[in-house]
Amino acid sequence: MATNVHLTPELESFARFCVESGRYSNVSEVVRSALRLLQEGEERNARFNAMLDAVRLEAERNGVYEAADVLAEVDGIIAQSPQ
């Protein structure tokens, strides 16, 4: 499948620099690498959003704790611990 991609002059220059530095054989490899990174980032964001949704559901089911209350409880436990 042939796809034409139009890059800004800055991106074209960067892609050519990557090829000239020897890291890639051609600009197509640079674009494929960039797309893989974009895909990985999108997948990572999707997993993170799924985790946030799960946490929200758990909080709705079980309630939430205020950070100040948790810290106060921890401070109380520490204060009661033998030194």
N, C-alpha and C. Protein backbone atom coordinates (compact mmCIF):
# COMPACT_ATOMS: atom_id res chain seq x y z
N MET A 1 0.85 -1.17 0.00
CA MET A 1 0.00 0.00 0.00
C MET A 1 0.90 1.23 0.00
N ALA A 2 0.66 2.12 -0.91
CA ALA A 2 1.43 3.36 -0.99
C ALA A 2 0.64 4.48 -0.34
N THR A 3 1.28 5.19 0.54
CA THR A 3 0.66 6.32 1.22
C THR A 3 1.60 7.50 1.13
N ASN A 4 1.08 8.62 0.70
CA ASN A 4 1.89 9.83 0.66
C ASN A 4 1.69 10.60 1.95
N VAL A 5 2.78 11.03 2.53
CA VAL A 5 2.73 11.79 3.77
C VAL A 5 3.41 13.13 3.52
N HIS A 6 2.73 14.20 3.86
CA HIS A 6 3.31 15.53 3.71
C HIS A 6 3.77 16.01 5.07
N LEU A 7 5.06 16.27 5.20
CA LEU A 7 5.65 16.72 6.46
C LEU A 7 5.95 18.21 6.38
N THR A 8 5.92 18.84 7.55
CA THR A 8 6.37 20.23 7.60
C THR A 8 7.85 20.25 7.28
N PRO A 9 8.38 21.37 6.86
CA PRO A 9 9.82 21.43 6.58
C PRO A 9 10.67 21.00 7.79
N GLU A 10 10.23 21.35 9.00
CA GLU A 10 10.98 20.99 10.19
C GLU A 10 10.99 19.48 10.41
N LEU A 11 9.84 18.84 10.22
CA LEU A 11 9.77 17.39 10.39
C LEU A 11 10.52 16.67 9.29
N GLU A 12 10.44 17.18 8.07
CA GLU A 12 11.20 16.59 6.96
C GLU A 12 12.69 16.67 7.25
N SER A 13 13.14 17.81 7.75
CA SER A 13 14.55 17.99 8.09
C SER A 13 14.97 17.02 9.19
N PHE A 14 14.13 16.88 10.20
CA PHE A 14 14.44 15.96 11.29
C PHE A 14 14.50 14.52 10.79
N ALA A 15 13.53 14.12 9.97
CA ALA A 15 13.52 12.76 9.43
C ALA A 15 14.78 12.49 8.61
N ARG A 16 15.17 13.45 7.81
CA ARG A 16 16.38 13.28 7.00
C ARG A 16 17.62 13.21 7.90
N PHE A 17 17.63 14.00 8.97
CA PHE A 17 18.75 13.94 9.92
C PHE A 17 18.85 12.54 10.53
N CYS A 18 17.69 11.95 10.88
CA CYS A 18 17.69 10.60 11.45
C CYS A 18 18.27 9.60 10.47
N VAL A 19 17.98 9.75 9.20
CA VAL A 19 18.52 8.86 8.17
C VAL A 19 20.02 9.10 8.03
N GLU A 20 20.41 10.37 7.94
CA GLU A 20 21.82 10.71 7.76
C GLU A 20 22.68 10.27 8.94
N SER A 21 22.08 10.22 10.12
CA SER A 21 22.84 9.80 11.30
C SER A 21 23.05 8.29 11.32
N GLY A 22 22.38 7.58 10.42
CA GLY A 22 22.55 6.14 10.33
C GLY A 22 21.58 5.33 11.17
N ARG A 23 20.72 6.00 11.89
CA ARG A 23 19.77 5.26 12.74
C ARG A 23 18.68 4.59 11.92
N TYR A 24 18.37 5.14 10.77
CA TYR A 24 17.33 4.60 9.89
C TYR A 24 17.86 4.55 8.47
N SER A 25 17.29 3.64 7.67
CA SER A 25 17.73 3.50 6.29
C SER A 25 17.06 4.51 5.36
N ASN A 26 15.83 4.92 5.72
CA ASN A 26 15.10 5.87 4.88
C ASN A 26 14.03 6.57 5.71
N VAL A 27 13.41 7.57 5.11
CA VAL A 27 12.40 8.37 5.81
C VAL A 27 11.18 7.51 6.16
N SER A 28 10.87 6.53 5.33
CA SER A 28 9.73 5.66 5.64
C SER A 28 9.93 4.92 6.96
N GLU A 29 11.15 4.49 7.23
CA GLU A 29 11.44 3.83 8.51
C GLU A 29 11.24 4.80 9.67
N VAL A 30 11.63 6.05 9.48
CA VAL A 30 11.45 7.06 10.52
C VAL A 30 9.96 7.24 10.81
N VAL A 31 9.16 7.35 9.76
CA VAL A 31 7.72 7.55 9.93
C VAL A 31 7.09 6.32 10.59
N ARG A 32 7.49 5.11 10.19
CA ARG A 32 6.96 3.90 10.82
C ARG A 32 7.30 3.86 12.31
N SER A 33 8.53 4.24 12.64
CA SER A 33 8.94 4.26 14.03
C SER A 33 8.11 5.27 14.83
N ALA A 34 7.89 6.43 14.24
CA ALA A 34 7.09 7.45 14.91
C ALA A 34 5.65 6.97 15.11
N LEU A 35 5.10 6.30 14.11
CA LEU A 35 3.74 5.80 14.24
C LEU A 35 3.64 4.70 15.30
N ARG A 36 4.68 3.86 15.41
CA ARG A 36 4.68 2.84 16.47
C ARG A 36 4.66 3.51 17.84
N LEU A 37 5.48 4.55 18.00
CA LEU A 37 5.50 5.26 19.28
C LEU A 37 4.15 5.90 19.58
N LEU A 38 3.52 6.47 18.57
CA LEU A 38 2.19 7.05 18.74
C LEU A 38 1.19 5.98 19.14
N GLN A 39 1.25 4.83 18.47
CA GLN A 39 0.35 3.73 18.79
C GLN A 39 0.56 3.26 20.23
N GLU A 40 1.81 3.09 20.64
CA GLU A 40 2.10 2.68 22.02
C GLU A 40 1.57 3.70 23.02
N GLY A 41 1.73 4.97 22.72
CA GLY A 41 1.22 6.01 23.61
C GLY A 41 -0.29 5.98 23.72
N GLU A 42 -0.96 5.77 22.59
CA GLU A 42 -2.42 5.68 22.59
C GLU A 42 -2.89 4.47 23.40
N GLU A 43 -2.20 3.34 23.25
CA GLU A 43 -2.56 2.14 24.01
C GLU A 43 -2.32 2.36 25.50
N ARG A 44 -1.20 3.03 25.84
CA ARG A 44 -0.90 3.32 27.24
C ARG A 44 -1.98 4.24 27.83
N ASN A 45 -2.39 5.26 27.06
CA ASN A 45 -3.46 6.15 27.52
C ASN A 45 -4.77 5.41 27.72
N ALA A 46 -5.08 4.48 26.81
CA ALA A 46 -6.32 3.70 26.94
C ALA A 46 -6.29 2.84 28.20
N ARG A 47 -5.14 2.21 28.48
CA ARG A 47 -5.02 1.40 29.71
C ARG A 47 -5.16 2.28 30.95
N PHE A 48 -4.54 3.46 30.92
CA PHE A 48 -4.61 4.37 32.06
C PHE A 48 -6.05 4.83 32.28
N ASN A 49 -6.75 5.18 31.20
CA ASN A 49 -8.14 5.62 31.33
C ASN A 49 -9.03 4.48 31.84
N ALA A 50 -8.76 3.25 31.41
CA ALA A 50 -9.52 2.11 31.91
C ALA A 50 -9.28 1.93 33.41
N MET A 51 -8.02 2.13 33.84
CA MET A 51 -7.71 2.03 35.25
C MET A 51 -8.45 3.12 36.05
N LEU A 52 -8.46 4.34 35.51
CA LEU A 52 -9.18 5.43 36.19
C LEU A 52 -10.67 5.11 36.30
N ASP A 53 -11.24 4.57 35.24
CA ASP A 53 -12.66 4.19 35.29
C ASP A 53 -12.91 3.14 36.37
N ALA A 54 -12.01 2.16 36.46
CA ALA A 54 -12.15 1.12 37.49
C ALA A 54 -12.05 1.72 38.89
N VAL A 55 -11.14 2.66 39.07
CA VAL A 55 -10.99 3.31 40.38
C VAL A 55 -12.23 4.13 40.71
N ARG A 56 -12.77 4.83 39.71
CA ARG A 56 -14.00 5.61 39.96
C ARG A 56 -15.14 4.70 40.39
N LEU A 57 -15.30 3.57 39.70
CA LEU A 57 -16.36 2.63 40.06
C LEU A 57 -16.16 2.08 41.47
N GLU A 58 -14.91 1.76 41.80
CA GLU A 58 -14.63 1.26 43.14
C GLU A 58 -14.94 2.32 44.19
N ALA A 59 -14.59 3.57 43.90
CA ALA A 59 -14.86 4.66 44.84
C ALA A 59 -16.36 4.86 45.01
N GLU A 60 -17.12 4.71 43.93
CA GLU A 60 -18.58 4.84 44.03
C GLU A 60 -19.18 3.72 44.86
N ARG A 61 -18.60 2.51 44.73
CA ARG A 61 -19.10 1.36 45.50
C ARG A 61 -18.70 1.43 46.97
N ASN A 62 -17.42 1.74 47.21
CA ASN A 62 -16.87 1.61 48.55
C ASN A 62 -16.66 2.93 49.27
N GLY A 63 -16.86 4.03 48.61
CA GLY A 63 -16.61 5.32 49.23
C GLY A 63 -15.15 5.73 49.06
N VAL A 64 -14.87 6.92 49.51
CA VAL A 64 -13.51 7.45 49.38
C VAL A 64 -13.03 7.96 50.73
N TYR A 65 -11.73 8.13 50.84
CA TYR A 65 -11.12 8.66 52.05
C TYR A 65 -10.42 9.96 51.70
N GLU A 66 -10.54 10.94 52.56
CA GLU A 66 -9.82 12.19 52.39
C GLU A 66 -8.37 11.98 52.81
N ALA A 67 -7.45 12.55 52.07
CA ALA A 67 -6.03 12.39 52.37
C ALA A 67 -5.71 12.86 53.78
N ALA A 68 -6.30 13.95 54.20
CA ALA A 68 -6.04 14.48 55.54
C ALA A 68 -6.46 13.48 56.62
N ASP A 69 -7.59 12.80 56.40
CA ASP A 69 -8.06 11.80 57.37
C ASP A 69 -7.11 10.62 57.44
N VAL A 70 -6.64 10.16 56.28
CA VAL A 70 -5.70 9.04 56.24
C VAL A 70 -4.40 9.42 56.93
N LEU A 71 -3.88 10.60 56.64
CA LEU A 71 -2.64 11.05 57.27
C LEU A 71 -2.80 11.17 58.79
N ALA A 72 -3.94 11.68 59.23
CA ALA A 72 -4.19 11.80 60.67
C ALA A 72 -4.21 10.42 61.33
N GLU A 73 -4.83 9.46 60.67
CA GLU A 73 -4.87 8.11 61.22
C GLU A 73 -3.47 7.51 61.28
N VAL A 74 -2.68 7.69 60.24
CA VAL A 74 -1.32 7.18 60.22
C VAL A 74 -0.49 7.85 61.33
N ASP A 75 -0.64 9.16 61.48
CA ASP A 75 0.07 9.87 62.54
C ASP A 75 -0.30 9.33 63.91
N GLY A 76 -1.59 9.00 64.10
CA GLY A 76 -2.05 8.43 65.36
C GLY A 76 -1.43 7.07 65.62
N ILE A 77 -1.35 6.25 64.59
CA ILE A 77 -0.75 4.93 64.73
C ILE A 77 0.73 5.06 65.09
N ILE A 78 1.41 5.97 64.42
CA ILE A 78 2.83 6.17 64.70
C ILE A 78 3.03 6.68 66.11
N ALA A 79 2.17 7.60 66.55
CA ALA A 79 2.30 8.16 67.88
C ALA A 79 2.09 7.10 68.96
N GLN A 80 1.25 6.09 68.70
CA GLN A 80 0.97 5.04 69.67
C GLN A 80 2.00 3.90 69.64
N SER A 81 2.82 3.88 68.63
CA SER A 81 3.82 2.80 68.50
C SER A 81 4.94 2.99 69.50
N PRO A 82 5.42 1.88 70.11
CA PRO A 82 6.55 2.01 71.02
C PRO A 82 7.79 2.47 70.24
N GLN A 83 8.54 3.28 70.85
CA GLN A 83 9.72 3.87 70.17
C GLN A 83 10.91 3.01 70.32
